[in-house]
Amino acid sequence: MLTNTHLYDKQGEPPLPGLSSVLLTDSFCQVVLRDGGLCMEDSTHDARVAGSPYQGMVVAYHGVPITSDSGELVGTLCHFDLRQQLLPDDEFECLQQAARLLGAHAALLAAA
């Protein structure tokens, strides 16, 4: 079971029902973990998430794994939207950099 530990919506909307905790097998995170990242501007007809109950509900999804300095998986960092969204390459790189920082921070917290 995956747990959404933080959700920020710039318009202040409440989280979608059912996204607080998600089975890994139903999630888009499984693709992030398998492929090392996912950049998907429209899930509606994307074969990588075929069969997911969230396909078409979460339309745009861009995610990267968060790993510790030792390579241990800590989680995923993602941006998603209910409508089609293109994420430029430089912004996806920013997401990757943020995930590296979060991984290092998680390692510091674990050591404390």
PDB file of N, CA and C in Angstrom:
ATOM      1  N   MET A   1       0.850  -1.179   0.000  1.00  0.00           N
ATOM      2  CA  MET A   1       0.000   0.000   0.000  1.00  0.00           C
ATOM      3  C   MET A   1       0.894   1.238   0.000  1.00  0.00           C
ATOM      4  N   LEU A   2       0.638   2.138  -0.903  1.00  0.00           N
ATOM      5  CA  LEU A   2       1.348   3.415  -0.958  1.00  0.00           C
ATOM      6  C   LEU A   2       0.525   4.462  -0.233  1.00  0.00           C
ATOM      7  N   THR A   3       1.198   5.324   0.494  1.00  0.00           N
ATOM      8  CA  THR A   3       0.519   6.379   1.222  1.00  0.00           C
ATOM      9  C   THR A   3       1.002   7.731   0.723  1.00  0.00           C
ATOM     10  N   ASN A   4       0.074   8.584   0.391  1.00  0.00           N
ATOM     11  CA  ASN A   4       0.392   9.944  -0.031  1.00  0.00           C
ATOM     12  C   ASN A   4       0.685  10.742   1.234  1.00  0.00           C
ATOM     13  N   THR A   5       1.958  11.104   1.442  1.00  0.00           N
ATOM     14  CA  THR A   5       2.316  11.803   2.676  1.00  0.00           C
ATOM     15  C   THR A   5       2.132  13.308   2.586  1.00  0.00           C
ATOM     16  N   HIS A   6       2.130  13.846   1.377  1.00  0.00           N
ATOM     17  CA  HIS A   6       1.909  15.284   1.235  1.00  0.00           C
ATOM     18  C   HIS A   6       1.305  15.569  -0.136  1.00  0.00           C
ATOM     19  N   LEU A   7       0.254  16.343  -0.129  1.00  0.00           N
ATOM     20  CA  LEU A   7      -0.385  16.749  -1.382  1.00  0.00           C
ATOM     21  C   LEU A   7      -0.591  18.253  -1.330  1.00  0.00           C
ATOM     22  N   TYR A   8      -0.104  18.916  -2.340  1.00  0.00           N
ATOM     23  CA  TYR A   8      -0.278  20.360  -2.441  1.00  0.00           C
ATOM     24  C   TYR A   8      -1.045  20.660  -3.719  1.00  0.00           C
ATOM     25  N   ASP A   9      -2.135  21.385  -3.587  1.00  0.00           N
ATOM     26  CA  ASP A   9      -2.916  21.823  -4.743  1.00  0.00           C
ATOM     27  C   ASP A   9      -2.895  23.340  -4.750  1.00  0.00           C
ATOM     28  N   LYS A  10      -2.364  23.917  -5.813  1.00  0.00           N
ATOM     29  CA  LYS A  10      -2.201  25.371  -5.840  1.00  0.00           C
ATOM     30  C   LYS A  10      -3.525  26.125  -5.786  1.00  0.00           C
ATOM     31  N   GLN A  11      -4.627  25.454  -6.089  1.00  0.00           N
ATOM     32  CA  GLN A  11      -5.930  26.105  -6.025  1.00  0.00           C
ATOM     33  C   GLN A  11      -6.683  25.759  -4.747  1.00  0.00           C
ATOM     34  N   GLY A  12      -6.035  25.001  -3.857  1.00  0.00           N
ATOM     35  CA  GLY A  12      -6.636  24.690  -2.570  1.00  0.00           C
ATOM     36  C   GLY A  12      -7.739  23.650  -2.608  1.00  0.00           C
ATOM     37  N   GLU A  13      -7.825  22.902  -3.695  1.00  0.00           N
ATOM     38  CA  GLU A  13      -8.858  21.876  -3.812  1.00  0.00           C
ATOM     39  C   GLU A  13      -8.545  20.705  -2.878  1.00  0.00           C
ATOM     40  N   PRO A  14      -9.572  20.060  -2.329  1.00  0.00           N
ATOM     41  CA  PRO A  14      -9.319  18.877  -1.498  1.00  0.00           C
ATOM     42  C   PRO A  14      -8.790  17.733  -2.365  1.00  0.00           C
ATOM     43  N   PRO A  15      -8.032  16.817  -1.754  1.00  0.00           N
ATOM     44  CA  PRO A  15      -7.509  15.675  -2.520  1.00  0.00           C
ATOM     45  C   PRO A  15      -8.638  14.838  -3.112  1.00  0.00           C
ATOM     46  N   LEU A  16      -8.349  14.203  -4.224  1.00  0.00           N
ATOM     47  CA  LEU A  16      -9.323  13.289  -4.817  1.00  0.00           C
ATOM     48  C   LEU A  16      -9.588  12.137  -3.868  1.00  0.00           C
ATOM     49  N   PRO A  17     -10.838  11.708  -3.757  1.00  0.00           N
ATOM     50  CA  PRO A  17     -11.124  10.550  -2.918  1.00  0.00           C
ATOM     51  C   PRO A  17     -10.361   9.335  -3.442  1.00  0.00           C
ATOM     52  N   GLY A  18      -9.829   8.554  -2.540  1.00  0.00           N
ATOM     53  CA  GLY A  18      -9.145   7.335  -2.936  1.00  0.00           C
ATOM     54  C   GLY A  18      -7.679   7.505  -3.259  1.00  0.00           C
ATOM     55  N   LEU A  19      -7.138   8.720  -3.176  1.00  0.00           N
ATOM     56  CA  LEU A  19      -5.721   8.909  -3.482  1.00  0.00           C
ATOM     57  C   LEU A  19      -4.848   9.022  -2.236  1.00  0.00           C
ATOM     58  N   SER A  20      -5.447   8.941  -1.050  1.00  0.00           N
ATOM     59  CA  SER A  20      -4.648   8.992   0.178  1.00  0.00           C
ATOM     60  C   SER A  20      -3.782   7.755   0.310  1.00  0.00           C
ATOM     61  N   SER A  21      -4.357   6.620   0.006  1.00  0.00           N
ATOM     62  CA  SER A  21      -3.642   5.344   0.003  1.00  0.00           C
ATOM     63  C   SER A  21      -4.047   4.588  -1.251  1.00  0.00           C
ATOM     64  N   VAL A  22      -3.046   4.033  -1.924  1.00  0.00           N
ATOM     65  CA  VAL A  22      -3.275   3.366  -3.206  1.00  0.00           C
ATOM     66  C   VAL A  22      -2.473   2.076  -3.233  1.00  0.00           C
ATOM     67  N   LEU A  23      -3.061   1.023  -3.750  1.00  0.00           N
ATOM     68  CA  LEU A  23      -2.307  -0.212  -3.938  1.00  0.00           C
ATOM     69  C   LEU A  23      -1.218   0.021  -4.979  1.00  0.00           C
ATOM     70  N   LEU A  24      -0.021  -0.489  -4.725  1.00  0.00           N
ATOM     71  CA  LEU A  24       1.077  -0.320  -5.676  1.00  0.00           C
ATOM     72  C   LEU A  24       0.684  -0.828  -7.055  1.00  0.00           C
ATOM     73  N   THR A  25      -0.034  -1.939  -7.106  1.00  0.00           N
ATOM     74  CA  THR A  25      -0.407  -2.533  -8.392  1.00  0.00           C
ATOM     75  C   THR A  25      -1.393  -1.670  -9.174  1.00  0.00           C
ATOM     76  N   ASP A  26      -2.104  -0.767  -8.503  1.00  0.00           N
ATOM     77  CA  ASP A  26      -3.041   0.140  -9.169  1.00  0.00           C
ATOM     78  C   ASP A  26      -2.405   1.489  -9.502  1.00  0.00           C
ATOM     79  N   SER A  27      -1.258   1.754  -8.935  1.00  0.00           N
ATOM     80  CA  SER A  27      -0.675   3.095  -8.995  1.00  0.00           C
ATOM     81  C   SER A  27       0.133   3.346 -10.261  1.00  0.00           C
ATOM     82  N   PHE A  28       0.326   4.618 -10.543  1.00  0.00           N
ATOM     83  CA  PHE A  28       1.254   5.012 -11.601  1.00  0.00           C
ATOM     84  C   PHE A  28       2.687   4.934 -11.074  1.00  0.00           C
ATOM     85  N   CYS A  29       2.841   4.935  -9.744  1.00  0.00           N
ATOM     86  CA  CYS A  29       4.171   4.839  -9.129  1.00  0.00           C
ATOM     87  C   CYS A  29       4.886   3.558  -9.540  1.00  0.00           C
ATOM     88  N   GLN A  30       4.139   2.492  -9.773  1.00  0.00           N
ATOM     89  CA  GLN A  30       4.789   1.239 -10.175  1.00  0.00           C
ATOM     90  C   GLN A  30       5.568   1.413 -11.472  1.00  0.00           C
ATOM     91  N   VAL A  31       5.082   2.264 -12.366  1.00  0.00           N
ATOM     92  CA  VAL A  31       5.792   2.529 -13.622  1.00  0.00           C
ATOM     93  C   VAL A  31       7.048   3.352 -13.336  1.00  0.00           C
ATOM     94  N   VAL A  32       6.932   4.318 -12.417  1.00  0.00           N
ATOM     95  CA  VAL A  32       8.093   5.118 -12.016  1.00  0.00           C
ATOM     96  C   VAL A  32       9.183   4.205 -11.474  1.00  0.00           C
ATOM     97  N   LEU A  33       8.804   3.269 -10.623  1.00  0.00           N
ATOM     98  CA  LEU A  33       9.778   2.365 -10.010  1.00  0.00           C
ATOM     99  C   LEU A  33      10.366   1.411 -11.039  1.00  0.00           C
ATOM    100  N   ARG A  34       9.551   0.921 -11.932  1.00  0.00           N
ATOM    101  CA  ARG A  34      10.013  -0.027 -12.954  1.00  0.00           C
ATOM    102  C   ARG A  34      10.924   0.641 -13.979  1.00  0.00           C
ATOM    103  N   ASP A  35      10.529   1.853 -14.421  1.00  0.00           N
ATOM    104  CA  ASP A  35      11.230   2.512 -15.523  1.00  0.00           C
ATOM    105  C   ASP A  35      12.198   3.607 -15.075  1.00  0.00           C
ATOM    106  N   GLY A  36      12.198   3.929 -13.781  1.00  0.00           N
ATOM    107  CA  GLY A  36      13.091   4.981 -13.293  1.00  0.00           C
ATOM    108  C   GLY A  36      12.545   6.382 -13.476  1.00  0.00           C
ATOM    109  N   GLY A  37      11.304   6.504 -13.883  1.00  0.00           N
ATOM    110  CA  GLY A  37      10.648   7.794 -14.075  1.00  0.00           C
ATOM    111  C   GLY A  37       9.482   7.641 -15.036  1.00  0.00           C
ATOM    112  N   LEU A  38       8.590   8.609 -15.013  1.00  0.00           N
ATOM    113  CA  LEU A  38       7.433   8.578 -15.910  1.00  0.00           C
ATOM    114  C   LEU A  38       7.046  10.007 -16.249  1.00  0.00           C
ATOM    115  N   CYS A  39       6.958  10.275 -17.519  1.00  0.00           N
ATOM    116  CA  CYS A  39       6.518  11.577 -18.013  1.00  0.00           C
ATOM    117  C   CYS A  39       5.343  11.300 -18.953  1.00  0.00           C
ATOM    118  N   MET A  40       4.132  11.565 -18.475  1.00  0.00           N
ATOM    119  CA  MET A  40       2.927  11.198 -19.219  1.00  0.00           C
ATOM    120  C   MET A  40       1.959  12.381 -19.186  1.00  0.00           C
ATOM    121  N   GLU A  41       1.743  12.995 -20.334  1.00  0.00           N
ATOM    122  CA  GLU A  41       0.865  14.162 -20.352  1.00  0.00           C
ATOM    123  C   GLU A  41      -0.614  13.803 -20.451  1.00  0.00           C
ATOM    124  N   ASP A  42      -0.937  12.564 -20.860  1.00  0.00           N
ATOM    125  CA  ASP A  42      -2.340  12.143 -20.949  1.00  0.00           C
ATOM    126  C   ASP A  42      -2.419  10.629 -20.765  1.00  0.00           C
ATOM    127  N   SER A  43      -2.921  10.213 -19.624  1.00  0.00           N
ATOM    128  CA  SER A  43      -2.987   8.780 -19.302  1.00  0.00           C
ATOM    129  C   SER A  43      -4.114   8.051 -20.019  1.00  0.00           C
ATOM    130  N   THR A  44      -5.037   8.796 -20.598  1.00  0.00           N
ATOM    131  CA  THR A  44      -6.264   8.210 -21.131  1.00  0.00           C
ATOM    132  C   THR A  44      -6.029   6.989 -22.008  1.00  0.00           C
ATOM    133  N   HIS A  45      -5.062   7.056 -22.891  1.00  0.00           N
ATOM    134  CA  HIS A  45      -4.800   5.938 -23.805  1.00  0.00           C
ATOM    135  C   HIS A  45      -3.354   5.454 -23.714  1.00  0.00           C
ATOM    136  N   ASP A  46      -2.713   5.673 -22.582  1.00  0.00           N
ATOM    137  CA  ASP A  46      -1.307   5.300 -22.423  1.00  0.00           C
ATOM    138  C   ASP A  46      -1.205   3.856 -21.942  1.00  0.00           C
ATOM    139  N   ALA A  47      -0.566   3.017 -22.737  1.00  0.00           N
ATOM    140  CA  ALA A  47      -0.461   1.585 -22.434  1.00  0.00           C
ATOM    141  C   ALA A  47       0.322   1.310 -21.159  1.00  0.00           C
ATOM    142  N   ARG A  48       1.190   2.225 -20.745  1.00  0.00           N
ATOM    143  CA  ARG A  48       1.993   1.996 -19.538  1.00  0.00           C
ATOM    144  C   ARG A  48       1.141   1.913 -18.280  1.00  0.00           C
ATOM    145  N   VAL A  49      -0.047   2.499 -18.292  1.00  0.00           N
ATOM    146  CA  VAL A  49      -0.920   2.466 -17.117  1.00  0.00           C
ATOM    147  C   VAL A  49      -2.245   1.758 -17.416  1.00  0.00           C
ATOM    148  N   ALA A  50      -2.259   0.979 -18.478  1.00  0.00           N
ATOM    149  CA  ALA A  50      -3.480   0.250 -18.857  1.00  0.00           C
ATOM    150  C   ALA A  50      -3.940  -0.629 -17.701  1.00  0.00           C
ATOM    151  N   GLY A  51      -5.209  -0.571 -17.418  1.00  0.00           N
ATOM    152  CA  GLY A  51      -5.792  -1.381 -16.361  1.00  0.00           C
ATOM    153  C   GLY A  51      -5.827  -0.704 -15.005  1.00  0.00           C
ATOM    154  N   SER A  52      -5.147   0.407 -14.857  1.00  0.00           N
ATOM    155  CA  SER A  52      -5.177   1.124 -13.581  1.00  0.00           C
ATOM    156  C   SER A  52      -6.538   1.792 -13.420  1.00  0.00           C
ATOM    157  N   PRO A  53      -7.130   1.706 -12.221  1.00  0.00           N
ATOM    158  CA  PRO A  53      -8.405   2.395 -12.016  1.00  0.00           C
ATOM    159  C   PRO A  53      -8.262   3.919 -12.074  1.00  0.00           C
ATOM    160  N   TYR A  54      -7.031   4.413 -12.053  1.00  0.00           N
ATOM    161  CA  TYR A  54      -6.797   5.857 -12.087  1.00  0.00           C
ATOM    162  C   TYR A  54      -6.529   6.373 -13.500  1.00  0.00           C
ATOM    163  N   GLN A  55      -6.450   5.455 -14.466  1.00  0.00           N
ATOM    164  CA  GLN A  55      -6.228   5.857 -15.852  1.00  0.00           C
ATOM    165  C   GLN A  55      -7.415   6.703 -16.313  1.00  0.00           C
ATOM    166  N   GLY A  56      -7.132   7.899 -16.804  1.00  0.00           N
ATOM    167  CA  GLY A  56      -8.187   8.802 -17.246  1.00  0.00           C
ATOM    168  C   GLY A  56      -8.731   9.683 -16.136  1.00  0.00           C
ATOM    169  N   MET A  57      -8.613   9.268 -14.870  1.00  0.00           N
ATOM    170  CA  MET A  57      -9.017  10.120 -13.748  1.00  0.00           C
ATOM    171  C   MET A  57      -7.859  11.061 -13.412  1.00  0.00           C
ATOM    172  N   VAL A  58      -6.686  10.481 -13.179  1.00  0.00           N
ATOM    173  CA  VAL A  58      -5.462  11.265 -13.091  1.00  0.00           C
ATOM    174  C   VAL A  58      -4.933  11.291 -14.518  1.00  0.00           C
ATOM    175  N   VAL A  59      -5.039  12.420 -15.181  1.00  0.00           N
ATOM    176  CA  VAL A  59      -4.726  12.480 -16.612  1.00  0.00           C
ATOM    177  C   VAL A  59      -3.231  12.681 -16.831  1.00  0.00           C
ATOM    178  N   ALA A  60      -2.685  13.758 -16.329  1.00  0.00           N
ATOM    179  CA  ALA A  60      -1.249  14.008 -16.480  1.00  0.00           C
ATOM    180  C   ALA A  60      -0.531  13.492 -15.239  1.00  0.00           C
ATOM    181  N   TYR A  61       0.600  12.836 -15.449  1.00  0.00           N
ATOM    182  CA  TYR A  61       1.392  12.315 -14.327  1.00  0.00           C
ATOM    183  C   TYR A  61       2.857  12.336 -14.728  1.00  0.00           C
ATOM    184  N   HIS A  62       3.647  12.969 -13.898  1.00  0.00           N
ATOM    185  CA  HIS A  62       5.091  13.044 -14.114  1.00  0.00           C
ATOM    186  C   HIS A  62       5.733  12.698 -12.777  1.00  0.00           C
ATOM    187  N   GLY A  63       6.503  11.618 -12.723  1.00  0.00           N
ATOM    188  CA  GLY A  63       7.057  11.185 -11.449  1.00  0.00           C
ATOM    189  C   GLY A  63       8.455  10.620 -11.561  1.00  0.00           C
ATOM    190  N   VAL A  64       9.174  10.704 -10.448  1.00  0.00           N
ATOM    191  CA  VAL A  64      10.537  10.191 -10.353  1.00  0.00           C
ATOM    192  C   VAL A  64      10.700   9.483  -9.010  1.00  0.00           C
ATOM    193  N   PRO A  65      11.590   8.483  -8.953  1.00  0.00           N
ATOM    194  CA  PRO A  65      11.827   7.812  -7.676  1.00  0.00           C
ATOM    195  C   PRO A  65      12.663   8.687  -6.741  1.00  0.00           C
ATOM    196  N   ILE A  66      12.418   8.533  -5.459  1.00  0.00           N
ATOM    197  CA  ILE A  66      13.253   9.154  -4.430  1.00  0.00           C
ATOM    198  C   ILE A  66      14.064   8.025  -3.813  1.00  0.00           C
ATOM    199  N   THR A  67      15.379   8.130  -3.894  1.00  0.00           N
ATOM    200  CA  THR A  67      16.253   7.106  -3.323  1.00  0.00           C
ATOM    201  C   THR A  67      17.241   7.753  -2.365  1.00  0.00           C
ATOM    202  N   SER A  68      17.666   6.962  -1.389  1.00  0.00           N
ATOM    203  CA  SER A  68      18.687   7.433  -0.455  1.00  0.00           C
ATOM    204  C   SER A  68      20.039   7.423  -1.157  1.00  0.00           C
ATOM    205  N   ASP A  69      21.043   7.969  -0.496  1.00  0.00           N
ATOM    206  CA  ASP A  69      22.396   7.978  -1.062  1.00  0.00           C
ATOM    207  C   ASP A  69      22.908   6.569  -1.327  1.00  0.00           C
ATOM    208  N   SER A  70      22.413   5.600  -0.552  1.00  0.00           N
ATOM    209  CA  SER A  70      22.843   4.208  -0.733  1.00  0.00           C
ATOM    210  C   SER A  70      22.028   3.483  -1.804  1.00  0.00           C
ATOM    211  N   GLY A  71      21.056   4.180  -2.394  1.00  0.00           N
ATOM    212  CA  GLY A  71      20.248   3.583  -3.454  1.00  0.00           C
ATOM    213  C   GLY A  71      18.952   2.954  -2.982  1.00  0.00           C
ATOM    214  N   GLU A  72      18.674   3.035  -1.675  1.00  0.00           N
ATOM    215  CA  GLU A  72      17.432   2.470  -1.131  1.00  0.00           C
ATOM    216  C   GLU A  72      16.247   3.342  -1.545  1.00  0.00           C
ATOM    217  N   LEU A  73      15.186   2.700  -2.005  1.00  0.00           N
ATOM    218  CA  LEU A  73      13.987   3.419  -2.417  1.00  0.00           C
ATOM    219  C   LEU A  73      13.291   4.015  -1.198  1.00  0.00           C
ATOM    220  N   VAL A  74      13.016   5.305  -1.265  1.00  0.00           N
ATOM    221  CA  VAL A  74      12.336   6.007  -0.186  1.00  0.00           C
ATOM    222  C   VAL A  74      10.888   6.301  -0.573  1.00  0.00           C
ATOM    223  N   GLY A  75      10.647   6.577  -1.849  1.00  0.00           N
ATOM    224  CA  GLY A  75       9.304   6.904  -2.317  1.00  0.00           C
ATOM    225  C   GLY A  75       9.353   7.440  -3.734  1.00  0.00           C
ATOM    226  N   THR A  76       8.319   8.162  -4.102  1.00  0.00           N
ATOM    227  CA  THR A  76       8.285   8.817  -5.408  1.00  0.00           C
ATOM    228  C   THR A  76       7.858  10.266  -5.216  1.00  0.00           C
ATOM    229  N   LEU A  77       8.311  11.101  -6.115  1.00  0.00           N
ATOM    230  CA  LEU A  77       7.901  12.499  -6.155  1.00  0.00           C
ATOM    231  C   LEU A  77       7.196  12.689  -7.486  1.00  0.00           C
ATOM    232  N   CYS A  78       5.983  13.209  -7.427  1.00  0.00           N
ATOM    233  CA  CYS A  78       5.246  13.335  -8.682  1.00  0.00           C
ATOM    234  C   CYS A  78       4.455  14.631  -8.749  1.00  0.00           C
ATOM    235  N   HIS A  79       4.136  14.977  -9.963  1.00  0.00           N
ATOM    236  CA  HIS A  79       3.218  16.064 -10.270  1.00  0.00           C
ATOM    237  C   HIS A  79       2.106  15.430 -11.089  1.00  0.00           C
ATOM    238  N   PHE A  80       0.865  15.628 -10.663  1.00  0.00           N
ATOM    239  CA  PHE A  80      -0.235  15.103 -11.475  1.00  0.00           C
ATOM    240  C   PHE A  80      -1.332  16.140 -11.596  1.00  0.00           C
ATOM    241  N   ASP A  81      -2.167  15.931 -12.601  1.00  0.00           N
ATOM    242  CA  ASP A  81      -3.250  16.870 -12.863  1.00  0.00           C
ATOM    243  C   ASP A  81      -4.439  16.101 -13.420  1.00  0.00           C
ATOM    244  N   LEU A  82      -5.600  16.680 -13.280  1.00  0.00           N
ATOM    245  CA  LEU A  82      -6.826  16.059 -13.777  1.00  0.00           C
ATOM    246  C   LEU A  82      -7.090  16.419 -15.233  1.00  0.00           C
ATOM    247  N   ARG A  83      -6.196  17.204 -15.797  1.00  0.00           N
ATOM    248  CA  ARG A  83      -6.297  17.538 -17.218  1.00  0.00           C
ATOM    249  C   ARG A  83      -4.920  17.356 -17.854  1.00  0.00           C
ATOM    250  N   GLN A  84      -4.906  17.282 -19.144  1.00  0.00           N
ATOM    251  CA  GLN A  84      -3.670  17.059 -19.888  1.00  0.00           C
ATOM    252  C   GLN A  84      -2.668  18.177 -19.611  1.00  0.00           C
ATOM    253  N   GLN A  85      -1.443  17.795 -19.284  1.00  0.00           N
ATOM    254  CA  GLN A  85      -0.385  18.765 -18.993  1.00  0.00           C
ATOM    255  C   GLN A  85       0.933  18.286 -19.572  1.00  0.00           C
ATOM    256  N   LEU A  86       1.545  19.109 -20.361  1.00  0.00           N
ATOM    257  CA  LEU A  86       2.893  18.851 -20.844  1.00  0.00           C
ATOM    258  C   LEU A  86       3.861  19.381 -19.795  1.00  0.00           C
ATOM    259  N   LEU A  87       4.876  18.604 -19.460  1.00  0.00           N
ATOM    260  CA  LEU A  87       5.912  19.066 -18.546  1.00  0.00           C
ATOM    261  C   LEU A  87       7.204  19.182 -19.350  1.00  0.00           C
ATOM    262  N   PRO A  88       7.693  20.401 -19.555  1.00  0.00           N
ATOM    263  CA  PRO A  88       8.926  20.575 -20.329  1.00  0.00           C
ATOM    264  C   PRO A  88      10.097  19.814 -19.698  1.00  0.00           C
ATOM    265  N   ASP A  89      11.066  19.451 -20.523  1.00  0.00           N
ATOM    266  CA  ASP A  89      12.218  18.676 -20.059  1.00  0.00           C
ATOM    267  C   ASP A  89      12.938  19.339 -18.894  1.00  0.00           C
ATOM    268  N   ASP A  90      13.096  20.664 -18.931  1.00  0.00           N
ATOM    269  CA  ASP A  90      13.812  21.333 -17.842  1.00  0.00           C
ATOM    270  C   ASP A  90      13.037  21.259 -16.531  1.00  0.00           C
ATOM    271  N   GLU A  91      11.719  21.226 -16.586  1.00  0.00           N
ATOM    272  CA  GLU A  91      10.922  21.091 -15.370  1.00  0.00           C
ATOM    273  C   GLU A  91      10.959  19.651 -14.853  1.00  0.00           C
ATOM    274  N   PHE A  92      11.020  18.672 -15.767  1.00  0.00           N
ATOM    275  CA  PHE A  92      11.171  17.278 -15.339  1.00  0.00           C
ATOM    276  C   PHE A  92      12.530  17.105 -14.662  1.00  0.00           C
ATOM    277  N   GLU A  93      13.555  17.757 -15.188  1.00  0.00           N
ATOM    278  CA  GLU A  93      14.885  17.727 -14.567  1.00  0.00           C
ATOM    279  C   GLU A  93      14.835  18.340 -13.170  1.00  0.00           C
ATOM    280  N   CYS A  94      14.054  19.389 -13.000  1.00  0.00           N
ATOM    281  CA  CYS A  94      13.874  20.006 -11.680  1.00  0.00           C
ATOM    282  C   CYS A  94      13.236  19.011 -10.711  1.00  0.00           C
ATOM    283  N   LEU A  95      12.257  18.258 -11.187  1.00  0.00           N
ATOM    284  CA  LEU A  95      11.624  17.217 -10.376  1.00  0.00           C
ATOM    285  C   LEU A  95      12.666  16.173  -9.960  1.00  0.00           C
ATOM    286  N   GLN A  96      13.533  15.777 -10.886  1.00  0.00           N
ATOM    287  CA  GLN A  96      14.589  14.810 -10.577  1.00  0.00           C
ATOM    288  C   GLN A  96      15.561  15.370  -9.541  1.00  0.00           C
ATOM    289  N   GLN A  97      15.926  16.629  -9.672  1.00  0.00           N
ATOM    290  CA  GLN A  97      16.838  17.245  -8.703  1.00  0.00           C
ATOM    291  C   GLN A  97      16.198  17.327  -7.322  1.00  0.00           C
ATOM    292  N   ALA A  98      14.928  17.680  -7.276  1.00  0.00           N
ATOM    293  CA  ALA A  98      14.219  17.740  -5.996  1.00  0.00           C
ATOM    294  C   ALA A  98      14.161  16.361  -5.346  1.00  0.00           C
ATOM    295  N   ALA A  99      13.958  15.323  -6.145  1.00  0.00           N
ATOM    296  CA  ALA A  99      13.922  13.958  -5.608  1.00  0.00           C
ATOM    297  C   ALA A  99      15.276  13.573  -5.017  1.00  0.00           C
ATOM    298  N   ARG A 100      16.364  13.988  -5.656  1.00  0.00           N
ATOM    299  CA  ARG A 100      17.700  13.705  -5.109  1.00  0.00           C
ATOM    300  C   ARG A 100      17.884  14.398  -3.758  1.00  0.00           C
ATOM    301  N   LEU A 101      17.427  15.641  -3.651  1.00  0.00           N
ATOM    302  CA  LEU A 101      17.522  16.365  -2.383  1.00  0.00           C
ATOM    303  C   LEU A 101      16.670  15.704  -1.304  1.00  0.00           C
ATOM    304  N   LEU A 102      15.474  15.281  -1.673  1.00  0.00           N
ATOM    305  CA  LEU A 102      14.604  14.606  -0.708  1.00  0.00           C
ATOM    306  C   LEU A 102      15.209  13.290  -0.243  1.00  0.00           C
ATOM    307  N   GLY A 103      15.848  12.566  -1.152  1.00  0.00           N
ATOM    308  CA  GLY A 103      16.510  11.316  -0.781  1.00  0.00           C
ATOM    309  C   GLY A 103      17.626  11.552   0.213  1.00  0.00           C
ATOM    310  N   ALA A 104      18.430  12.581  -0.012  1.00  0.00           N
ATOM    311  CA  ALA A 104      19.512  12.922   0.916  1.00  0.00           C
ATOM    312  C   ALA A 104      18.941  13.362   2.259  1.00  0.00           C
ATOM    313  N   HIS A 105      17.858  14.125   2.238  1.00  0.00           N
ATOM    314  CA  HIS A 105      17.213  14.573   3.477  1.00  0.00           C
ATOM    315  C   HIS A 105      16.652  13.383   4.256  1.00  0.00           C
ATOM    316  N   ALA A 106      16.040  12.451   3.559  1.00  0.00           N
ATOM    317  CA  ALA A 106      15.496  11.257   4.222  1.00  0.00           C
ATOM    318  C   ALA A 106      16.610  10.468   4.901  1.00  0.00           C
ATOM    319  N   ALA A 107      17.769  10.393   4.263  1.00  0.00           N
ATOM    320  CA  ALA A 107      18.903   9.682   4.854  1.00  0.00           C
ATOM    321  C   ALA A 107      19.364  10.379   6.133  1.00  0.00           C
ATOM    322  N   LEU A 108      19.388  11.702   6.121  1.00  0.00           N
ATOM    323  CA  LEU A 108      19.771  12.451   7.323  1.00  0.00           C
ATOM    324  C   LEU A 108      18.771  12.224   8.451  1.00  0.00           C
ATOM    325  N   LEU A 109      17.493  12.209   8.117  1.00  0.00           N
ATOM    326  CA  LEU A 109      16.463  11.963   9.133  1.00  0.00           C
ATOM    327  C   LEU A 109      16.583  10.563   9.716  1.00  0.00           C
ATOM    328  N   ALA A 110      16.871   9.598   8.869  1.00  0.00           N
ATOM    329  CA  ALA A 110      17.000   8.215   9.333  1.00  0.00           C
ATOM    330  C   ALA A 110      18.210   8.046  10.245  1.00  0.00           C
ATOM    331  N   ALA A 111      19.259   8.817   9.996  1.00  0.00           N
ATOM    332  CA  ALA A 111      20.478   8.717  10.799  1.00  0.00           C
ATOM    333  C   ALA A 111      20.343   9.429  12.144  1.00  0.00           C
ATOM    334  N   ALA A 112      19.396  10.346  12.255  1.00  0.00           N
ATOM    335  CA  ALA A 112      19.240  11.135  13.487  1.00  0.00           C
ATOM    336  C   ALA A 112      18.603  10.348  14.603  1.00  0.00           C
TER     337      ALA A 112
END
